[in-house]
Amino acid sequence: MWVAPAMNGALREARFAGDAALDAAGARAARLAAAHVPDADRTVHAPSERCARTAEELGLRSAVEPALRDWELGRWAGARLDEVSAREPEGVAAWLADPSAAPHGGESLLGLCARAGSWLDSLSGAGRVLAVAEPSLVRAAVVHALALPPQAFWRLDVAPLTLTELTGRAGRWNLRAGRPLADGPGGR
């Protein structure tokens, strides 16, 4: 089970987040959603401050999972998408069109999907695992689990404080996507 972290300022500004903190509105939304988090045998969170704080506000006792780090976007980290598009239009176009491209000097989409998939496949026999992870990781895990073409990544939306469930096992996953943890806007 994957929970996308609560909203923060970087998401509102369409920034390549880097490690942007959870803001007060996001923390409040996570606290409101806490009663709706499903039970799990094991709970982990990505190493970002946003994911760690969301897990904390959800009342989870979770361990940091380094494999769930956000998409490494190199020199684009922290910049707004419109800024990068104006500065490096060819790089952004390549990044969006070619899953193996990494014009930012970071990780390619193929690399991200492989990393998310490798972690997901390692869970065989682990019982019910709940991971608080950035939307990019959730999307990459879905691409891997359903054996979708990498370009499908760009067609998946993962809203803040939603639950995406992958049930089954490596090689045979089923998807239940986008259930809000609580009624209302989900921290948006």
Protein backbone atom coordinates (compact mmCIF):
# COMPACT_ATOMS: atom_id res chain seq x y z
CA MET A 1 0.00 0.00 0.00
CA TRP A 2 1.30 3.42 -0.92
CA VAL A 3 0.31 6.72 0.68
CA ALA A 4 1.28 9.90 -1.13
CA PRO A 5 2.45 12.58 1.32
CA ALA A 6 0.47 15.68 2.18
CA MET A 7 0.63 18.88 0.16
CA ASN A 8 3.49 21.33 0.51
CA GLY A 9 4.59 24.61 -1.04
CA ALA A 10 6.83 22.96 -3.65
CA LEU A 11 3.90 20.97 -5.02
CA ARG A 12 1.72 24.07 -5.15
CA GLU A 13 4.43 25.85 -7.17
CA ALA A 14 5.12 22.89 -9.53
CA ARG A 15 8.71 22.61 -8.29
CA PHE A 16 11.02 19.69 -8.70
CA ALA A 17 10.78 19.28 -4.97
CA GLY A 18 14.22 18.26 -3.80
CA ASP A 19 13.52 17.85 -0.08
CA ALA A 20 10.83 20.48 0.54
CA ALA A 21 9.23 20.38 3.99
CA LEU A 22 5.60 19.65 4.71
CA ASP A 23 3.73 22.91 5.34
CA ALA A 24 1.17 23.67 8.08
CA ALA A 25 -1.84 23.00 5.84
CA GLY A 26 -0.38 19.66 4.76
CA ALA A 27 0.36 18.66 8.36
CA ARG A 28 -3.20 19.53 9.37
CA ALA A 29 -4.65 17.50 6.48
CA ALA A 30 -2.49 14.50 7.43
CA ARG A 31 -3.67 14.66 11.05
CA LEU A 32 -7.27 14.68 9.81
CA ALA A 33 -6.59 11.64 7.61
CA ALA A 34 -4.85 9.63 10.35
CA ALA A 35 -7.96 7.72 11.40
CA HIS A 36 -8.37 6.39 7.85
CA VAL A 37 -4.93 4.84 7.36
CA PRO A 38 -5.24 1.07 6.88
CA ASP A 39 -3.46 -1.36 9.17
CA ALA A 40 -0.17 -2.84 8.01
CA ASP A 41 2.33 -5.42 9.22
CA ARG A 42 5.23 -3.12 8.31
CA THR A 43 5.29 0.65 7.77
CA VAL A 44 8.05 2.59 6.03
CA HIS A 45 8.54 6.08 4.64
CA ALA A 46 10.77 7.67 2.05
CA PRO A 47 13.75 9.61 3.40
CA SER A 48 12.38 13.05 2.45
CA GLU A 49 11.32 15.39 5.22
CA ARG A 50 7.88 15.65 3.59
CA CYS A 51 7.32 11.88 3.75
CA ALA A 52 8.75 11.52 7.25
CA ARG A 53 6.56 14.33 8.56
CA THR A 54 3.47 12.98 6.79
CA ALA A 55 4.05 9.56 8.37
CA GLU A 56 4.46 11.25 11.75
CA GLU A 57 1.27 13.33 11.35
CA LEU A 58 -0.60 10.18 10.27
CA GLY A 59 0.45 8.62 13.58
CA LEU A 60 2.56 5.92 11.95
CA ARG A 61 5.55 4.30 13.57
CA SER A 62 7.54 3.86 10.42
CA ALA A 63 11.12 3.26 9.46
CA VAL A 64 12.98 5.19 6.77
CA GLU A 65 13.42 3.21 3.55
CA PRO A 66 16.30 4.60 1.46
CA ALA A 67 15.16 2.76 -1.69
CA LEU A 68 12.05 4.97 -1.69
CA ARG A 69 13.96 8.22 -2.11
CA ASP A 70 12.37 10.68 -4.51
CA TRP A 71 13.28 10.83 -8.18
CA GLU A 72 16.81 12.22 -8.43
CA LEU A 73 16.48 15.15 -10.83
CA GLY A 74 20.00 16.48 -10.55
CA ARG A 75 20.44 20.19 -11.19
CA TRP A 76 16.67 20.66 -11.67
CA ALA A 77 15.97 19.89 -7.98
CA GLY A 78 14.23 22.83 -6.31
CA ALA A 79 13.52 24.68 -9.58
CA ARG A 80 10.04 25.30 -10.97
CA LEU A 81 9.04 23.41 -14.09
CA ASP A 82 8.37 26.65 -15.99
CA GLU A 83 11.86 27.94 -15.11
CA VAL A 84 13.55 24.76 -16.31
CA SER A 85 11.40 24.69 -19.46
CA ALA A 86 12.46 28.25 -20.31
CA ARG A 87 16.15 27.55 -19.61
CA GLU A 88 16.41 24.05 -21.11
CA PRO A 89 13.48 23.45 -23.50
CA GLU A 90 15.29 20.71 -25.41
CA GLY A 91 16.24 18.94 -22.17
CA VAL A 92 12.68 19.02 -20.85
CA ALA A 93 11.36 17.77 -24.20
CA ALA A 94 13.85 14.88 -24.18
CA TRP A 95 13.04 14.05 -20.55
CA LEU A 96 9.31 13.87 -21.33
CA ALA A 97 9.71 11.87 -24.56
CA ASP A 98 12.58 9.46 -23.86
CA PRO A 99 12.36 7.27 -20.73
CA SER A 100 16.13 6.73 -20.82
CA ALA A 101 16.97 10.47 -20.91
CA ALA A 102 18.42 12.25 -17.89
CA PRO A 103 19.30 15.74 -19.16
CA HIS A 104 19.27 17.04 -15.58
CA GLY A 105 22.20 14.82 -14.65
CA GLY A 106 20.10 12.66 -12.32
CA GLU A 107 18.09 9.48 -12.69
CA SER A 108 16.20 8.51 -15.86
CA LEU A 109 12.56 7.46 -15.80
CA LEU A 110 13.67 3.91 -16.62
CA GLY A 111 16.02 4.00 -13.64
CA LEU A 112 13.27 5.27 -11.35
CA CYS A 113 10.82 2.57 -12.50
CA ALA A 114 13.48 -0.13 -12.07
CA ARG A 115 14.31 1.07 -8.55
CA ALA A 116 10.65 1.25 -7.47
CA GLY A 117 9.96 -2.13 -9.07
CA SER A 118 12.94 -3.79 -7.45
CA TRP A 119 11.82 -2.64 -4.01
CA LEU A 120 8.23 -3.70 -4.70
CA ASP A 121 9.29 -7.15 -5.89
CA SER A 122 11.46 -7.59 -2.78
CA LEU A 123 8.33 -7.58 -0.60
CA SER A 124 7.34 -11.15 -1.40
CA GLY A 125 6.02 -12.72 1.79
CA ALA A 126 6.31 -9.46 3.77
CA GLY A 127 2.59 -9.26 4.56
CA ARG A 128 0.78 -5.92 4.37
CA VAL A 129 3.34 -3.16 3.84
CA LEU A 130 2.42 0.53 3.92
CA ALA A 131 4.87 3.02 2.39
CA VAL A 132 4.60 6.81 2.55
CA ALA A 133 6.40 7.84 -0.63
CA GLU A 134 6.51 10.69 -3.11
CA PRO A 135 4.05 10.53 -6.02
CA SER A 136 6.88 9.80 -8.47
CA LEU A 137 7.66 6.56 -6.62
CA VAL A 138 4.00 5.56 -6.47
CA ARG A 139 3.61 6.16 -10.21
CA ALA A 140 6.82 4.25 -10.98
CA ALA A 141 5.68 1.31 -8.83
CA VAL A 142 2.35 1.17 -10.68
CA VAL A 143 4.14 1.25 -14.06
CA HIS A 144 6.33 -1.64 -12.95
CA ALA A 145 3.58 -3.67 -11.24
CA LEU A 146 1.23 -3.54 -14.22
CA ALA A 147 4.04 -3.91 -16.80
CA LEU A 148 2.95 -0.65 -18.43
CA PRO A 149 5.13 1.10 -20.97
CA PRO A 150 7.32 3.70 -19.21
CA GLN A 151 5.51 6.55 -21.00
CA ALA A 152 2.36 5.62 -19.02
CA PHE A 153 4.10 7.20 -16.00
CA TRP A 154 3.20 10.65 -17.39
CA ARG A 155 -0.48 9.68 -17.57
CA LEU A 156 -0.83 8.69 -13.91
CA ASP A 157 -1.88 11.24 -11.30
CA VAL A 158 -1.28 10.63 -7.60
CA ALA A 159 -2.95 13.21 -5.39
CA PRO A 160 -1.72 14.11 -1.89
CA LEU A 161 -2.92 11.85 0.91
CA THR A 162 -4.34 9.16 -1.33
CA LEU A 163 -3.91 5.44 -0.98
CA THR A 164 -2.76 3.32 -3.90
CA GLU A 165 -2.96 -0.40 -3.26
CA LEU A 166 -1.02 -3.06 -5.10
CA THR A 167 -2.09 -6.54 -4.08
CA GLY A 168 -0.62 -9.83 -5.13
CA ARG A 169 3.04 -10.60 -5.63
CA ALA A 170 5.95 -10.00 -7.98
CA GLY A 171 4.85 -10.75 -11.51
CA ARG A 172 1.14 -10.72 -10.61
CA TRP A 173 -0.01 -7.41 -9.15
CA ASN A 174 -3.51 -5.90 -9.04
CA LEU A 175 -4.19 -2.18 -8.62
CA ARG A 176 -6.64 -0.22 -6.52
CA ALA A 177 -5.76 3.45 -7.06
CA GLY A 178 -6.38 6.87 -5.60
CA ARG A 179 -8.64 6.25 -2.61
CA PRO A 180 -8.57 9.38 -0.41
CA LEU A 181 -7.56 8.74 3.18
CA ALA A 182 -10.35 11.04 4.35
CA ASP A 183 -13.33 12.86 2.95
CA GLY A 184 -12.51 16.26 1.54
CA PRO A 185 -9.70 17.71 -0.54
CA GLY A 186 -6.91 15.38 0.68
CA GLY A 187 -4.59 18.16 1.69
CA ARG A 188 -4.75 20.08 -1.53
